[in-house]
Amino acid sequence: MHKSILTIDIRYEHDVVLARQRARQIAGLVGFDLQDQTRISTSTSELARNVFQYVGSGRVEFGIDDGATGWLLSITVSDKGGGVFALRPDAHRVHVIIRDVPSGAIGSVFIPVAGLR
């Protein structure tokens, strides 16, 4: 089951900065170490910046998912345009590392980026 924590609409450049700050804060609150907080916030920021720069608007949604072994942090960056695919048709997926929050186990998930269905 997915529980939404926060949604940020990306319309202005300062929304990209806000997405980065919130990604770091939420990652810290659920128990990621400082290095992982930096990775998560940087990844979120870069994806949000691509949305702002190449499409103009989109959103970042932070949530918690009930995984098979516990809760998982979920960050989805989306838009309704061609995004990166308009510039790089060979781009397919972004690899994001997430952690099973209660047990501390490391896992990975492939999250589709703008325009991939």
PDB file of N, CA and C in Angstrom:
ATOM      1  N   MET A   1       0.836  -1.168   0.000  1.00  0.00           N
ATOM      2  CA  MET A   1       0.000   0.000   0.000  1.00  0.00           C
ATOM      3  C   MET A   1       0.891   1.245   0.000  1.00  0.00           C
ATOM      4  N   HIS A   2       0.541   2.225  -0.800  1.00  0.00           N
ATOM      5  CA  HIS A   2       1.317   3.470  -0.918  1.00  0.00           C
ATOM      6  C   HIS A   2       0.679   4.554  -0.057  1.00  0.00           C
ATOM      7  N   LYS A   3       1.500   5.230   0.722  1.00  0.00           N
ATOM      8  CA  LYS A   3       1.056   6.373   1.525  1.00  0.00           C
ATOM      9  C   LYS A   3       1.831   7.596   1.065  1.00  0.00           C
ATOM     10  N   SER A   4       1.129   8.571   0.534  1.00  0.00           N
ATOM     11  CA  SER A   4       1.772   9.795   0.080  1.00  0.00           C
ATOM     12  C   SER A   4       2.138  10.664   1.280  1.00  0.00           C
ATOM     13  N   ILE A   5       3.372  11.191   1.269  1.00  0.00           N
ATOM     14  CA  ILE A   5       3.839  12.070   2.340  1.00  0.00           C
ATOM     15  C   ILE A   5       3.725  13.533   1.905  1.00  0.00           C
ATOM     16  N   LEU A   6       4.199  13.813   0.692  1.00  0.00           N
ATOM     17  CA  LEU A   6       4.294  15.198   0.232  1.00  0.00           C
ATOM     18  C   LEU A   6       4.376  15.215  -1.284  1.00  0.00           C
ATOM     19  N   THR A   7       3.717  16.187  -1.894  1.00  0.00           N
ATOM     20  CA  THR A   7       3.836  16.402  -3.334  1.00  0.00           C
ATOM     21  C   THR A   7       4.262  17.842  -3.573  1.00  0.00           C
ATOM     22  N   ILE A   8       5.273  18.013  -4.413  1.00  0.00           N
ATOM     23  CA  ILE A   8       5.755  19.347  -4.781  1.00  0.00           C
ATOM     24  C   ILE A   8       5.539  19.529  -6.276  1.00  0.00           C
ATOM     25  N   ASP A   9       4.799  20.562  -6.641  1.00  0.00           N
ATOM     26  CA  ASP A   9       4.652  20.901  -8.057  1.00  0.00           C
ATOM     27  C   ASP A   9       5.888  21.658  -8.504  1.00  0.00           C
ATOM     28  N   ILE A  10       6.433  21.261  -9.649  1.00  0.00           N
ATOM     29  CA  ILE A  10       7.611  21.930 -10.210  1.00  0.00           C
ATOM     30  C   ILE A  10       7.129  22.895 -11.285  1.00  0.00           C
ATOM     31  N   ARG A  11       7.169  24.191 -10.972  1.00  0.00           N
ATOM     32  CA  ARG A  11       6.789  25.221 -11.929  1.00  0.00           C
ATOM     33  C   ARG A  11       7.836  26.327 -12.036  1.00  0.00           C
ATOM     34  N   TYR A  12       8.579  26.499 -10.958  1.00  0.00           N
ATOM     35  CA  TYR A  12       9.584  27.558 -10.891  1.00  0.00           C
ATOM     36  C   TYR A  12      10.919  26.951 -10.457  1.00  0.00           C
ATOM     37  N   GLU A  13      11.999  27.669 -10.722  1.00  0.00           N
ATOM     38  CA  GLU A  13      13.316  27.146 -10.386  1.00  0.00           C
ATOM     39  C   GLU A  13      13.465  26.875  -8.888  1.00  0.00           C
ATOM     40  N   HIS A  14      12.869  27.722  -8.058  1.00  0.00           N
ATOM     41  CA  HIS A  14      12.995  27.486  -6.606  1.00  0.00           C
ATOM     42  C   HIS A  14      12.271  26.208  -6.164  1.00  0.00           C
ATOM     43  N   ASP A  15      11.340  25.696  -6.976  1.00  0.00           N
ATOM     44  CA  ASP A  15      10.697  24.414  -6.662  1.00  0.00           C
ATOM     45  C   ASP A  15      11.699  23.265  -6.751  1.00  0.00           C
ATOM     46  N   VAL A  16      12.688  23.394  -7.638  1.00  0.00           N
ATOM     47  CA  VAL A  16      13.752  22.390  -7.758  1.00  0.00           C
ATOM     48  C   VAL A  16      14.571  22.349  -6.466  1.00  0.00           C
ATOM     49  N   VAL A  17      14.900  23.521  -5.946  1.00  0.00           N
ATOM     50  CA  VAL A  17      15.653  23.622  -4.689  1.00  0.00           C
ATOM     51  C   VAL A  17      14.825  23.044  -3.539  1.00  0.00           C
ATOM     52  N   LEU A  18      13.537  23.360  -3.516  1.00  0.00           N
ATOM     53  CA  LEU A  18      12.654  22.837  -2.475  1.00  0.00           C
ATOM     54  C   LEU A  18      12.583  21.305  -2.532  1.00  0.00           C
ATOM     55  N   ALA A  19      12.503  20.751  -3.732  1.00  0.00           N
ATOM     56  CA  ALA A  19      12.462  19.289  -3.886  1.00  0.00           C
ATOM     57  C   ALA A  19      13.738  18.658  -3.323  1.00  0.00           C
ATOM     58  N   ARG A  20      14.878  19.280  -3.595  1.00  0.00           N
ATOM     59  CA  ARG A  20      16.152  18.775  -3.072  1.00  0.00           C
ATOM     60  C   ARG A  20      16.174  18.818  -1.548  1.00  0.00           C
ATOM     61  N   GLN A  21      15.736  19.937  -0.976  1.00  0.00           N
ATOM     62  CA  GLN A  21      15.734  20.089   0.479  1.00  0.00           C
ATOM     63  C   GLN A  21      14.807  19.079   1.142  1.00  0.00           C
ATOM     64  N   ARG A  22      13.611  18.909   0.587  1.00  0.00           N
ATOM     65  CA  ARG A  22      12.649  17.967   1.167  1.00  0.00           C
ATOM     66  C   ARG A  22      13.132  16.522   1.020  1.00  0.00           C
ATOM     67  N   ALA A  23      13.780  16.202  -0.103  1.00  0.00           N
ATOM     68  CA  ALA A  23      14.310  14.843  -0.289  1.00  0.00           C
ATOM     69  C   ALA A  23      15.330  14.534   0.801  1.00  0.00           C
ATOM     70  N   ARG A  24      16.209  15.482   1.082  1.00  0.00           N
ATOM     71  CA  ARG A  24      17.222  15.286   2.123  1.00  0.00           C
ATOM     72  C   ARG A  24      16.561  15.136   3.493  1.00  0.00           C
ATOM     73  N   GLN A  25      15.589  15.999   3.795  1.00  0.00           N
ATOM     74  CA  GLN A  25      14.925  15.948   5.093  1.00  0.00           C
ATOM     75  C   GLN A  25      14.177  14.630   5.303  1.00  0.00           C
ATOM     76  N   ILE A  26      13.413  14.223   4.309  1.00  0.00           N
ATOM     77  CA  ILE A  26      12.631  12.990   4.436  1.00  0.00           C
ATOM     78  C   ILE A  26      13.555  11.779   4.531  1.00  0.00           C
ATOM     79  N   ALA A  27      14.609  11.757   3.715  1.00  0.00           N
ATOM     80  CA  ALA A  27      15.568  10.644   3.771  1.00  0.00           C
ATOM     81  C   ALA A  27      16.198  10.550   5.164  1.00  0.00           C
ATOM     82  N   GLY A  28      16.505  11.686   5.756  1.00  0.00           N
ATOM     83  CA  GLY A  28      17.061  11.693   7.104  1.00  0.00           C
ATOM     84  C   GLY A  28      16.058  11.209   8.141  1.00  0.00           C
ATOM     85  N   LEU A  29      14.817  11.634   8.001  1.00  0.00           N
ATOM     86  CA  LEU A  29      13.785  11.242   8.960  1.00  0.00           C
ATOM     87  C   LEU A  29      13.498   9.745   8.955  1.00  0.00           C
ATOM     88  N   VAL A  30      13.639   9.098   7.802  1.00  0.00           N
ATOM     89  CA  VAL A  30      13.359   7.655   7.746  1.00  0.00           C
ATOM     90  C   VAL A  30      14.607   6.813   7.989  1.00  0.00           C
ATOM     91  N   GLY A  31      15.756   7.463   8.251  1.00  0.00           N
ATOM     92  CA  GLY A  31      16.904   6.719   8.722  1.00  0.00           C
ATOM     93  C   GLY A  31      18.071   6.522   7.773  1.00  0.00           C
ATOM     94  N   PHE A  32      18.083   7.189   6.636  1.00  0.00           N
ATOM     95  CA  PHE A  32      19.238   7.079   5.740  1.00  0.00           C
ATOM     96  C   PHE A  32      20.424   7.824   6.337  1.00  0.00           C
ATOM     97  N   ASP A  33      21.644   7.301   6.119  1.00  0.00           N
ATOM     98  CA  ASP A  33      22.828   8.006   6.600  1.00  0.00           C
ATOM     99  C   ASP A  33      23.093   9.230   5.719  1.00  0.00           C
ATOM    100  N   LEU A  34      24.054  10.062   6.126  1.00  0.00           N
ATOM    101  CA  LEU A  34      24.310  11.327   5.422  1.00  0.00           C
ATOM    102  C   LEU A  34      24.705  11.128   3.962  1.00  0.00           C
ATOM    103  N   GLN A  35      25.490  10.097   3.683  1.00  0.00           N
ATOM    104  CA  GLN A  35      25.902   9.849   2.300  1.00  0.00           C
ATOM    105  C   GLN A  35      24.697   9.483   1.433  1.00  0.00           C
ATOM    106  N   ASP A  36      23.822   8.632   1.941  1.00  0.00           N
ATOM    107  CA  ASP A  36      22.628   8.270   1.182  1.00  0.00           C
ATOM    108  C   ASP A  36      21.655   9.446   1.065  1.00  0.00           C
ATOM    109  N   GLN A  37      21.576  10.272   2.101  1.00  0.00           N
ATOM    110  CA  GLN A  37      20.743  11.470   2.025  1.00  0.00           C
ATOM    111  C   GLN A  37      21.211  12.368   0.882  1.00  0.00           C
ATOM    112  N   THR A  38      22.521  12.503   0.745  1.00  0.00           N
ATOM    113  CA  THR A  38      23.091  13.314  -0.341  1.00  0.00           C
ATOM    114  C   THR A  38      22.772  12.699  -1.689  1.00  0.00           C
ATOM    115  N   ARG A  39      22.923  11.397  -1.817  1.00  0.00           N
ATOM    116  CA  ARG A  39      22.614  10.722  -3.082  1.00  0.00           C
ATOM    117  C   ARG A  39      21.144  10.881  -3.457  1.00  0.00           C
ATOM    118  N   ILE A  40      20.277  10.696  -2.492  1.00  0.00           N
ATOM    119  CA  ILE A  40      18.839  10.792  -2.742  1.00  0.00           C
ATOM    120  C   ILE A  40      18.453  12.214  -3.112  1.00  0.00           C
ATOM    121  N   SER A  41      18.958  13.188  -2.361  1.00  0.00           N
ATOM    122  CA  SER A  41      18.600  14.579  -2.653  1.00  0.00           C
ATOM    123  C   SER A  41      19.179  15.047  -3.990  1.00  0.00           C
ATOM    124  N   THR A  42      20.382  14.609  -4.313  1.00  0.00           N
ATOM    125  CA  THR A  42      20.996  14.975  -5.592  1.00  0.00           C
ATOM    126  C   THR A  42      20.228  14.360  -6.756  1.00  0.00           C
ATOM    127  N   SER A  43      19.879  13.092  -6.640  1.00  0.00           N
ATOM    128  CA  SER A  43      19.113  12.430  -7.700  1.00  0.00           C
ATOM    129  C   SER A  43      17.769  13.104  -7.912  1.00  0.00           C
ATOM    130  N   THR A  44      17.094  13.388  -6.814  1.00  0.00           N
ATOM    131  CA  THR A  44      15.794  14.053  -6.895  1.00  0.00           C
ATOM    132  C   THR A  44      15.929  15.423  -7.545  1.00  0.00           C
ATOM    133  N   SER A  45      16.940  16.164  -7.126  1.00  0.00           N
ATOM    134  CA  SER A  45      17.180  17.497  -7.664  1.00  0.00           C
ATOM    135  C   SER A  45      17.472  17.467  -9.163  1.00  0.00           C
ATOM    136  N   GLU A  46      18.314  16.540  -9.598  1.00  0.00           N
ATOM    137  CA  GLU A  46      18.664  16.458 -11.022  1.00  0.00           C
ATOM    138  C   GLU A  46      17.448  16.099 -11.875  1.00  0.00           C
ATOM    139  N   LEU A  47      16.641  15.174 -11.401  1.00  0.00           N
ATOM    140  CA  LEU A  47      15.434  14.811 -12.148  1.00  0.00           C
ATOM    141  C   LEU A  47      14.441  15.973 -12.179  1.00  0.00           C
ATOM    142  N   ALA A  48      14.266  16.655 -11.034  1.00  0.00           N
ATOM    143  CA  ALA A  48      13.365  17.808 -10.985  1.00  0.00           C
ATOM    144  C   ALA A  48      13.873  18.932 -11.891  1.00  0.00           C
ATOM    145  N   ARG A  49      15.196  19.130 -11.920  1.00  0.00           N
ATOM    146  CA  ARG A  49      15.774  20.162 -12.790  1.00  0.00           C
ATOM    147  C   ARG A  49      15.523  19.831 -14.260  1.00  0.00           C
ATOM    148  N   ASN A  50      15.652  18.563 -14.627  1.00  0.00           N
ATOM    149  CA  ASN A  50      15.356  18.156 -16.010  1.00  0.00           C
ATOM    150  C   ASN A  50      13.898  18.452 -16.366  1.00  0.00           C
ATOM    151  N   VAL A  51      12.996  18.169 -15.437  1.00  0.00           N
ATOM    152  CA  VAL A  51      11.583  18.472 -15.667  1.00  0.00           C
ATOM    153  C   VAL A  51      11.414  19.966 -15.905  1.00  0.00           C
ATOM    154  N   PHE A  52      11.975  20.781 -15.019  1.00  0.00           N
ATOM    155  CA  PHE A  52      11.838  22.233 -15.140  1.00  0.00           C
ATOM    156  C   PHE A  52      12.483  22.754 -16.425  1.00  0.00           C
ATOM    157  N   GLN A  53      13.682  22.294 -16.717  1.00  0.00           N
ATOM    158  CA  GLN A  53      14.449  22.812 -17.850  1.00  0.00           C
ATOM    159  C   GLN A  53      13.883  22.382 -19.191  1.00  0.00           C
ATOM    160  N   TYR A  54      13.476  21.127 -19.328  1.00  0.00           N
ATOM    161  CA  TYR A  54      13.098  20.606 -20.638  1.00  0.00           C
ATOM    162  C   TYR A  54      11.600  20.548 -20.884  1.00  0.00           C
ATOM    163  N   VAL A  55      10.795  20.550 -19.818  1.00  0.00           N
ATOM    164  CA  VAL A  55       9.343  20.461 -19.988  1.00  0.00           C
ATOM    165  C   VAL A  55       8.660  21.707 -19.451  1.00  0.00           C
ATOM    166  N   GLY A  56       9.148  22.233 -18.335  1.00  0.00           N
ATOM    167  CA  GLY A  56       8.572  23.442 -17.766  1.00  0.00           C
ATOM    168  C   GLY A  56       7.761  23.207 -16.512  1.00  0.00           C
ATOM    169  N   SER A  57       7.153  22.031 -16.378  1.00  0.00           N
ATOM    170  CA  SER A  57       6.382  21.755 -15.174  1.00  0.00           C
ATOM    171  C   SER A  57       6.256  20.248 -14.957  1.00  0.00           C
ATOM    172  N   GLY A  58       6.015  19.902 -13.709  1.00  0.00           N
ATOM    173  CA  GLY A  58       5.864  18.504 -13.340  1.00  0.00           C
ATOM    174  C   GLY A  58       5.657  18.419 -11.851  1.00  0.00           C
ATOM    175  N   ARG A  59       5.981  17.264 -11.284  1.00  0.00           N
ATOM    176  CA  ARG A  59       5.800  17.112  -9.840  1.00  0.00           C
ATOM    177  C   ARG A  59       6.750  16.078  -9.267  1.00  0.00           C
ATOM    178  N   VAL A  60       6.991  16.243  -7.974  1.00  0.00           N
ATOM    179  CA  VAL A  60       7.781  15.278  -7.205  1.00  0.00           C
ATOM    180  C   VAL A  60       6.871  14.787  -6.090  1.00  0.00           C
ATOM    181  N   GLU A  61       6.703  13.471  -6.004  1.00  0.00           N
ATOM    182  CA  GLU A  61       5.880  12.900  -4.946  1.00  0.00           C
ATOM    183  C   GLU A  61       6.744  12.020  -4.047  1.00  0.00           C
ATOM    184  N   PHE A  62       6.664  12.273  -2.759  1.00  0.00           N
ATOM    185  CA  PHE A  62       7.358  11.484  -1.754  1.00  0.00           C
ATOM    186  C   PHE A  62       6.331  10.593  -1.071  1.00  0.00           C
ATOM    187  N   GLY A  63       6.691   9.344  -0.874  1.00  0.00           N
ATOM    188  CA  GLY A  63       5.758   8.438  -0.228  1.00  0.00           C
ATOM    189  C   GLY A  63       6.460   7.297   0.468  1.00  0.00           C
ATOM    190  N   ILE A  64       5.669   6.507   1.144  1.00  0.00           N
ATOM    191  CA  ILE A  64       6.131   5.298   1.810  1.00  0.00           C
ATOM    192  C   ILE A  64       5.291   4.155   1.249  1.00  0.00           C
ATOM    193  N   ASP A  65       5.971   3.091   0.857  1.00  0.00           N
ATOM    194  CA  ASP A  65       5.292   1.907   0.337  1.00  0.00           C
ATOM    195  C   ASP A  65       5.524   0.740   1.282  1.00  0.00           C
ATOM    196  N   ASP A  66       4.504  -0.084   1.441  1.00  0.00           N
ATOM    197  CA  ASP A  66       4.608  -1.276   2.258  1.00  0.00           C
ATOM    198  C   ASP A  66       5.165  -2.392   1.391  1.00  0.00           C
ATOM    199  N   GLY A  67       6.476  -2.652   1.522  1.00  0.00           N
ATOM    200  CA  GLY A  67       7.136  -3.690   0.746  1.00  0.00           C
ATOM    201  C   GLY A  67       6.982  -5.049   1.409  1.00  0.00           C
ATOM    202  N   ALA A  68       7.481  -6.067   0.750  1.00  0.00           N
ATOM    203  CA  ALA A  68       7.369  -7.436   1.259  1.00  0.00           C
ATOM    204  C   ALA A  68       8.070  -7.604   2.609  1.00  0.00           C
ATOM    205  N   THR A  69       9.156  -6.848   2.827  1.00  0.00           N
ATOM    206  CA  THR A  69       9.913  -6.995   4.076  1.00  0.00           C
ATOM    207  C   THR A  69       9.842  -5.757   4.963  1.00  0.00           C
ATOM    208  N   GLY A  70       9.038  -4.780   4.601  1.00  0.00           N
ATOM    209  CA  GLY A  70       8.918  -3.571   5.418  1.00  0.00           C
ATOM    210  C   GLY A  70       8.604  -2.363   4.571  1.00  0.00           C
ATOM    211  N   TRP A  71       8.743  -1.197   5.167  1.00  0.00           N
ATOM    212  CA  TRP A  71       8.410   0.050   4.492  1.00  0.00           C
ATOM    213  C   TRP A  71       9.546   0.500   3.583  1.00  0.00           C
ATOM    214  N   LEU A  72       9.192   1.061   2.435  1.00  0.00           N
ATOM    215  CA  LEU A  72      10.162   1.559   1.461  1.00  0.00           C
ATOM    216  C   LEU A  72       9.898   3.031   1.182  1.00  0.00           C
ATOM    217  N   LEU A  73      10.963   3.820   1.052  1.00  0.00           N
ATOM    218  CA  LEU A  73      10.830   5.217   0.649  1.00  0.00           C
ATOM    219  C   LEU A  73      10.632   5.262  -0.850  1.00  0.00           C
ATOM    220  N   SER A  74       9.638   6.024  -1.297  1.00  0.00           N
ATOM    221  CA  SER A  74       9.331   6.153  -2.717  1.00  0.00           C
ATOM    222  C   SER A  74       9.394   7.627  -3.099  1.00  0.00           C
ATOM    223  N   ILE A  75      10.163   7.943  -4.143  1.00  0.00           N
ATOM    224  CA  ILE A  75      10.219   9.310  -4.681  1.00  0.00           C
ATOM    225  C   ILE A  75       9.965   9.197  -6.170  1.00  0.00           C
ATOM    226  N   THR A  76       8.901   9.829  -6.633  1.00  0.00           N
ATOM    227  CA  THR A  76       8.540   9.780  -8.041  1.00  0.00           C
ATOM    228  C   THR A  76       8.595  11.185  -8.620  1.00  0.00           C
ATOM    229  N   VAL A  77       9.372  11.358  -9.677  1.00  0.00           N
ATOM    230  CA  VAL A  77       9.459  12.635 -10.381  1.00  0.00           C
ATOM    231  C   VAL A  77       8.782  12.426 -11.728  1.00  0.00           C
ATOM    232  N   SER A  78       7.782  13.246 -12.040  1.00  0.00           N
ATOM    233  CA  SER A  78       7.022  13.023 -13.268  1.00  0.00           C
ATOM    234  C   SER A  78       6.705  14.338 -13.980  1.00  0.00           C
ATOM    235  N   ASP A  79       6.385  14.214 -15.248  1.00  0.00           N
ATOM    236  CA  ASP A  79       5.921  15.345 -16.047  1.00  0.00           C
ATOM    237  C   ASP A  79       4.994  14.799 -17.118  1.00  0.00           C
ATOM    238  N   LYS A  80       4.428  15.694 -17.925  1.00  0.00           N
ATOM    239  CA  LYS A  80       3.510  15.265 -18.984  1.00  0.00           C
ATOM    240  C   LYS A  80       4.058  15.552 -20.366  1.00  0.00           C
ATOM    241  N   GLY A  81       5.344  15.861 -20.441  1.00  0.00           N
ATOM    242  CA  GLY A  81       5.947  16.186 -21.732  1.00  0.00           C
ATOM    243  C   GLY A  81       6.917  15.114 -22.178  1.00  0.00           C
ATOM    244  N   GLY A  82       7.628  15.406 -23.256  1.00  0.00           N
ATOM    245  CA  GLY A  82       8.620  14.489 -23.784  1.00  0.00           C
ATOM    246  C   GLY A  82       9.863  14.423 -22.924  1.00  0.00           C
ATOM    247  N   GLY A  83      10.154  15.515 -22.183  1.00  0.00           N
ATOM    248  CA  GLY A  83      11.282  15.552 -21.259  1.00  0.00           C
ATOM    249  C   GLY A  83      12.594  15.147 -21.904  1.00  0.00           C
ATOM    250  N   VAL A  84      13.357  14.379 -21.184  1.00  0.00           N
ATOM    251  CA  VAL A  84      14.676  13.944 -21.621  1.00  0.00           C
ATOM    252  C   VAL A  84      14.573  13.126 -22.910  1.00  0.00           C
ATOM    253  N   PHE A  85      13.472  12.424 -23.093  1.00  0.00           N
ATOM    254  CA  PHE A  85      13.335  11.570 -24.266  1.00  0.00           C
ATOM    255  C   PHE A  85      13.302  12.366 -25.564  1.00  0.00           C
ATOM    256  N   ALA A  86      12.913  13.624 -25.499  1.00  0.00           N
ATOM    257  CA  ALA A  86      12.947  14.463 -26.692  1.00  0.00           C
ATOM    258  C   ALA A  86      14.392  14.727 -27.120  1.00  0.00           C
ATOM    259  N   LEU A  87      15.296  14.744 -26.145  1.00  0.00           N
ATOM    260  CA  LEU A  87      16.706  15.002 -26.427  1.00  0.00           C
ATOM    261  C   LEU A  87      17.528  13.724 -26.544  1.00  0.00           C
ATOM    262  N   ARG A  88      17.166  12.724 -25.755  1.00  0.00           N
ATOM    263  CA  ARG A  88      17.916  11.459 -25.723  1.00  0.00           C
ATOM    264  C   ARG A  88      16.947  10.291 -25.864  1.00  0.00           C
ATOM    265  N   PRO A  89      16.605   9.922 -27.088  1.00  0.00           N
ATOM    266  CA  PRO A  89      15.663   8.827 -27.254  1.00  0.00           C
ATOM    267  C   PRO A  89      16.180   7.494 -26.733  1.00  0.00           C
ATOM    268  N   ASP A  90      17.490   7.388 -26.492  1.00  0.00           N
ATOM    269  CA  ASP A  90      18.063   6.140 -25.992  1.00  0.00           C
ATOM    270  C   ASP A  90      17.948   6.015 -24.470  1.00  0.00           C
ATOM    271  N   ALA A  91      17.533   7.086 -23.777  1.00  0.00           N
ATOM    272  CA  ALA A  91      17.397   7.043 -22.321  1.00  0.00           C
ATOM    273  C   ALA A  91      16.164   6.214 -21.966  1.00  0.00           C
ATOM    274  N   HIS A  92      16.322   5.290 -21.025  1.00  0.00           N
ATOM    275  CA  HIS A  92      15.200   4.418 -20.688  1.00  0.00           C
ATOM    276  C   HIS A  92      14.788   4.483 -19.223  1.00  0.00           C
ATOM    277  N   ARG A  93      15.739   4.360 -18.339  1.00  0.00           N
ATOM    278  CA  ARG A  93      15.387   4.303 -16.924  1.00  0.00           C
ATOM    279  C   ARG A  93      16.502   4.900 -16.072  1.00  0.00           C
ATOM    280  N   VAL A  94      16.124   5.302 -14.884  1.00  0.00           N
ATOM    281  CA  VAL A  94      17.078   5.782 -13.896  1.00  0.00           C
ATOM    282  C   VAL A  94      17.123   4.741 -12.788  1.00  0.00           C
ATOM    283  N   HIS A  95      18.317   4.341 -12.393  1.00  0.00           N
ATOM    284  CA  HIS A  95      18.482   3.358 -11.329  1.00  0.00           C
ATOM    285  C   HIS A  95      18.563   4.088 -10.009  1.00  0.00           C
ATOM    286  N   VAL A  96      17.658   3.814  -9.117  1.00  0.00           N
ATOM    287  CA  VAL A  96      17.608   4.486  -7.827  1.00  0.00           C
ATOM    288  C   VAL A  96      17.752   3.441  -6.733  1.00  0.00           C
ATOM    289  N   ILE A  97      18.659   3.681  -5.804  1.00  0.00           N
ATOM    290  CA  ILE A  97      18.841   2.781  -4.668  1.00  0.00           C
ATOM    291  C   ILE A  97      17.906   3.232  -3.546  1.00  0.00           C
ATOM    292  N   ILE A  98      17.163   2.284  -3.008  1.00  0.00           N
ATOM    293  CA  ILE A  98      16.297   2.587  -1.867  1.00  0.00           C
ATOM    294  C   ILE A  98      16.602   1.579  -0.764  1.00  0.00           C
ATOM    295  N   ARG A  99      16.197   1.893   0.433  1.00  0.00           N
ATOM    296  CA  ARG A  99      16.480   1.008   1.558  1.00  0.00           C
ATOM    297  C   ARG A  99      15.180   0.596   2.218  1.00  0.00           C
ATOM    298  N   ASP A 100      15.119  -0.652   2.563  1.00  0.00           N
ATOM    299  CA  ASP A 100      14.021  -1.190   3.348  1.00  0.00           C
ATOM    300  C   ASP A 100      14.180  -0.570   4.736  1.00  0.00           C
ATOM    301  N   VAL A 101      13.328   0.391   5.075  1.00  0.00           N
ATOM    302  CA  VAL A 101      13.531   1.244   6.241  1.00  0.00           C
ATOM    303  C   VAL A 101      13.667   0.461   7.554  1.00  0.00           C
ATOM    304  N   PRO A 102      12.771  -0.473   7.902  1.00  0.00           N
ATOM    305  CA  PRO A 102      12.908  -1.125   9.205  1.00  0.00           C
ATOM    306  C   PRO A 102      14.143  -2.019   9.330  1.00  0.00           C
ATOM    307  N   SER A 103      14.461  -2.785   8.304  1.00  0.00           N
ATOM    308  CA  SER A 103      15.536  -3.761   8.449  1.00  0.00           C
ATOM    309  C   SER A 103      16.894  -3.218   8.029  1.00  0.00           C
ATOM    310  N   GLY A 104      16.909  -2.125   7.259  1.00  0.00           N
ATOM    311  CA  GLY A 104      18.167  -1.561   6.803  1.00  0.00           C
ATOM    312  C   GLY A 104      18.732  -2.253   5.581  1.00  0.00           C
ATOM    313  N   ALA A 105      18.005  -3.226   5.030  1.00  0.00           N
ATOM    314  CA  ALA A 105      18.493  -3.930   3.841  1.00  0.00           C
ATOM    315  C   ALA A 105      18.517  -2.980   2.642  1.00  0.00           C
ATOM    316  N   ILE A 106      19.519  -3.115   1.810  1.00  0.00           N
ATOM    317  CA  ILE A 106      19.623  -2.289   0.616  1.00  0.00           C
ATOM    318  C   ILE A 106      18.988  -3.032  -0.547  1.00  0.00           C
ATOM    319  N   GLY A 107      18.217  -2.317  -1.353  1.00  0.00           N
ATOM    320  CA  GLY A 107      17.604  -2.900  -2.537  1.00  0.00           C
ATOM    321  C   GLY A 107      17.649  -1.885  -3.654  1.00  0.00           C
ATOM    322  N   SER A 108      17.159  -2.237  -4.786  1.00  0.00           N
ATOM    323  CA  SER A 108      17.121  -1.266  -5.869  1.00  0.00           C
ATOM    324  C   SER A 108      15.813  -1.388  -6.613  1.00  0.00           C
ATOM    325  N   VAL A 109      15.424  -0.311  -7.239  1.00  0.00           N
ATOM    326  CA  VAL A 109      14.200  -0.288  -8.020  1.00  0.00           C
ATOM    327  C   VAL A 109      14.450   0.547  -9.266  1.00  0.00           C
ATOM    328  N   PHE A 110      13.867   0.178 -10.371  1.00  0.00           N
ATOM    329  CA  PHE A 110      13.944   0.986 -11.567  1.00  0.00           C
ATOM    330  C   PHE A 110      12.704   1.841 -11.638  1.00  0.00           C
ATOM    331  N   ILE A 111      12.889   3.155 -11.673  1.00  0.00           N
ATOM    332  CA  ILE A 111      11.771   4.091 -11.699  1.00  0.00           C
ATOM    333  C   ILE A 111      11.721   4.723 -13.084  1.00  0.00           C
ATOM    334  N   PRO A 112      10.606   4.599 -13.798  1.00  0.00           N
ATOM    335  CA  PRO A 112      10.511   5.239 -15.111  1.00  0.00           C
ATOM    336  C   PRO A 112      10.645   6.759 -14.975  1.00  0.00           C
ATOM    337  N   VAL A 113      11.309   7.374 -15.930  1.00  0.00           N
ATOM    338  CA  VAL A 113      11.393   8.823 -15.952  1.00  0.00           C
ATOM    339  C   VAL A 113      10.439   9.355 -17.007  1.00  0.00           C
ATOM    340  N   ALA A 114      10.375  10.650 -17.156  1.00  0.00           N
ATOM    341  CA  ALA A 114       9.414  11.342 -18.010  1.00  0.00           C
ATOM    342  C   ALA A 114       9.146  10.653 -19.337  1.00  0.00           C
ATOM    343  N   GLY A 115       7.896  10.392 -19.599  1.00  0.00           N
ATOM    344  CA  GLY A 115       7.475   9.903 -20.894  1.00  0.00           C
ATOM    345  C   GLY A 115       7.539   8.393 -21.081  1.00  0.00           C
ATOM    346  N   LEU A 116       8.179   7.656 -20.172  1.00  0.00           N
ATOM    347  CA  LEU A 116       8.296   6.201 -20.339  1.00  0.00           C
ATOM    348  C   LEU A 116       7.053   5.546 -19.787  1.00  0.00           C
ATOM    349  N   ARG A 117       6.476   4.670 -20.548  1.00  0.00           N
ATOM    350  CA  ARG A 117       5.256   3.964 -20.108  1.00  0.00           C
ATOM    351  C   ARG A 117       5.504   2.491 -20.106  1.00  0.00           C
TER     352      ARG A 117
END
